[in-house]
Amino acid sequence: MKVFISGKMTGLTPQEYGAKFGAAARKLQAEGYEVFNPSVPEWNDRMHDDGLSYGDILINDFRKIMEFDALYMLDNWRESKGSTAEHAFANAIGMKIMYEIK
């Protein structure tokens, strides 16, 4: 199963969100999932370096999410406007949603 990780990035340093997303990615991979971590520089930096608006970034996130079977919500997802939108989008299209439990 292919899983897209969603959680708060805005307001955190790259080290903080990178550690949180990375830990979740390692956990999910150990459980046998194929994981996409949007906090990796190859994805996150490109989205911002291209000068995209916040709306365009969300649209690209939604397009990427549609390539996956499930969305994995980090425990801080409700603190993020983007993650809240990703959750609503996944829910609207009937995608499986998994939750980090702390």
Protein backbone atom coordinates (compact mmCIF):
# COMPACT_ATOMS: atom_id res chain seq x y z
CA MET A 1 0.00 0.00 0.00
CA LYS A 2 1.29 3.45 -0.92
CA VAL A 3 0.98 6.08 1.84
CA PHE A 4 1.38 9.89 1.74
CA ILE A 5 2.40 11.51 5.04
CA SER A 6 0.63 14.71 6.07
CA GLY A 7 1.48 16.98 8.99
CA LYS A 8 2.46 20.43 10.16
CA MET A 9 5.52 22.06 8.57
CA THR A 10 4.78 25.79 8.72
CA GLY A 11 6.16 27.31 11.90
CA LEU A 12 8.64 24.48 12.43
CA THR A 13 12.27 24.43 11.36
CA PRO A 14 13.28 22.05 8.57
CA GLN A 15 15.09 20.00 11.21
CA GLU A 16 11.96 19.76 13.37
CA TYR A 17 9.51 18.74 10.66
CA GLY A 18 12.15 16.65 8.90
CA ALA A 19 12.70 14.60 12.07
CA LYS A 20 8.95 14.13 12.64
CA PHE A 21 8.16 13.16 9.05
CA GLY A 22 11.31 11.01 8.84
CA ALA A 23 10.41 9.05 11.97
CA ALA A 24 6.91 8.41 10.60
CA ALA A 25 8.32 7.34 7.23
CA ARG A 26 10.72 4.87 8.85
CA LYS A 27 7.90 3.44 11.02
CA LEU A 28 5.57 3.00 8.05
CA GLN A 29 8.31 1.49 5.87
CA ALA A 30 9.14 -0.99 8.64
CA GLU A 31 5.45 -1.99 8.57
CA GLY A 32 5.74 -2.69 4.83
CA TYR A 33 4.23 0.47 3.35
CA GLU A 34 5.59 2.36 0.37
CA VAL A 35 5.88 5.90 1.73
CA PHE A 36 6.02 9.41 0.29
CA ASN A 37 7.53 11.98 2.65
CA PRO A 38 6.71 15.49 1.37
CA SER A 39 9.19 17.07 3.78
CA VAL A 40 12.19 15.82 1.82
CA PRO A 41 14.09 18.68 0.16
CA GLU A 42 13.63 17.21 -3.33
CA TRP A 43 9.88 17.83 -3.03
CA ASN A 44 9.47 20.61 -0.45
CA ASP A 45 12.24 22.91 -1.72
CA ARG A 46 11.16 22.52 -5.34
CA MET A 47 7.61 23.53 -4.47
CA HIS A 48 8.84 26.77 -2.88
CA ASP A 49 11.75 27.47 -5.23
CA ASP A 50 9.42 27.43 -8.22
CA GLY A 51 7.71 30.51 -6.75
CA LEU A 52 4.36 28.77 -6.52
CA SER A 53 1.55 30.37 -4.58
CA TYR A 54 0.18 28.55 -1.53
CA GLY A 55 -2.90 27.58 -3.56
CA ASP A 56 -0.73 26.11 -6.33
CA ILE A 57 1.28 24.16 -3.76
CA LEU A 58 -1.96 22.67 -2.37
CA ILE A 59 -3.18 21.78 -5.85
CA ASN A 60 0.12 19.99 -6.52
CA ASP A 61 -0.23 18.21 -3.15
CA PHE A 62 -3.73 17.05 -4.11
CA ARG A 63 -2.45 15.75 -7.46
CA LYS A 64 0.33 13.87 -5.69
CA ILE A 65 -2.02 12.49 -3.02
CA MET A 66 -4.17 10.94 -5.77
CA GLU A 67 -1.21 8.66 -6.64
CA PHE A 68 -1.50 7.00 -3.21
CA ASP A 69 -3.79 4.55 -1.44
CA ALA A 70 -3.84 6.23 1.95
CA LEU A 71 -3.04 9.44 3.80
CA TYR A 72 -1.14 9.16 7.10
CA MET A 73 -1.92 12.06 9.42
CA LEU A 74 0.79 13.02 11.90
CA ASP A 75 -0.48 13.87 15.37
CA ASN A 76 -0.02 17.62 14.71
CA TRP A 77 -2.08 17.73 11.48
CA ARG A 78 -4.89 19.81 12.97
CA GLU A 79 -2.38 22.64 13.57
CA SER A 80 -1.74 22.92 9.83
CA LYS A 81 -3.97 24.63 7.28
CA GLY A 82 -2.41 22.52 4.50
CA SER A 83 -2.79 19.20 6.33
CA THR A 84 -6.37 20.05 7.23
CA ALA A 85 -7.04 20.69 3.52
CA GLU A 86 -5.29 17.43 2.55
CA HIS A 87 -7.42 15.56 5.10
CA ALA A 88 -10.63 17.10 3.74
CA PHE A 89 -9.58 16.28 0.18
CA ALA A 90 -8.72 12.67 1.02
CA ASN A 91 -11.99 12.30 2.90
CA ALA A 92 -13.95 13.79 -0.02
CA ILE A 93 -12.49 11.32 -2.52
CA GLY A 94 -12.97 8.34 -0.20
CA MET A 95 -9.28 7.70 0.41
CA LYS A 96 -8.22 5.64 3.40
CA ILE A 97 -6.95 7.89 6.22
CA MET A 98 -4.60 6.60 8.91
CA TYR A 99 -3.66 8.48 12.08
CA GLU A 100 -0.48 8.66 14.12
CA ILE A 101 -1.27 7.80 17.73
CA LYS A 102 0.92 9.26 20.45
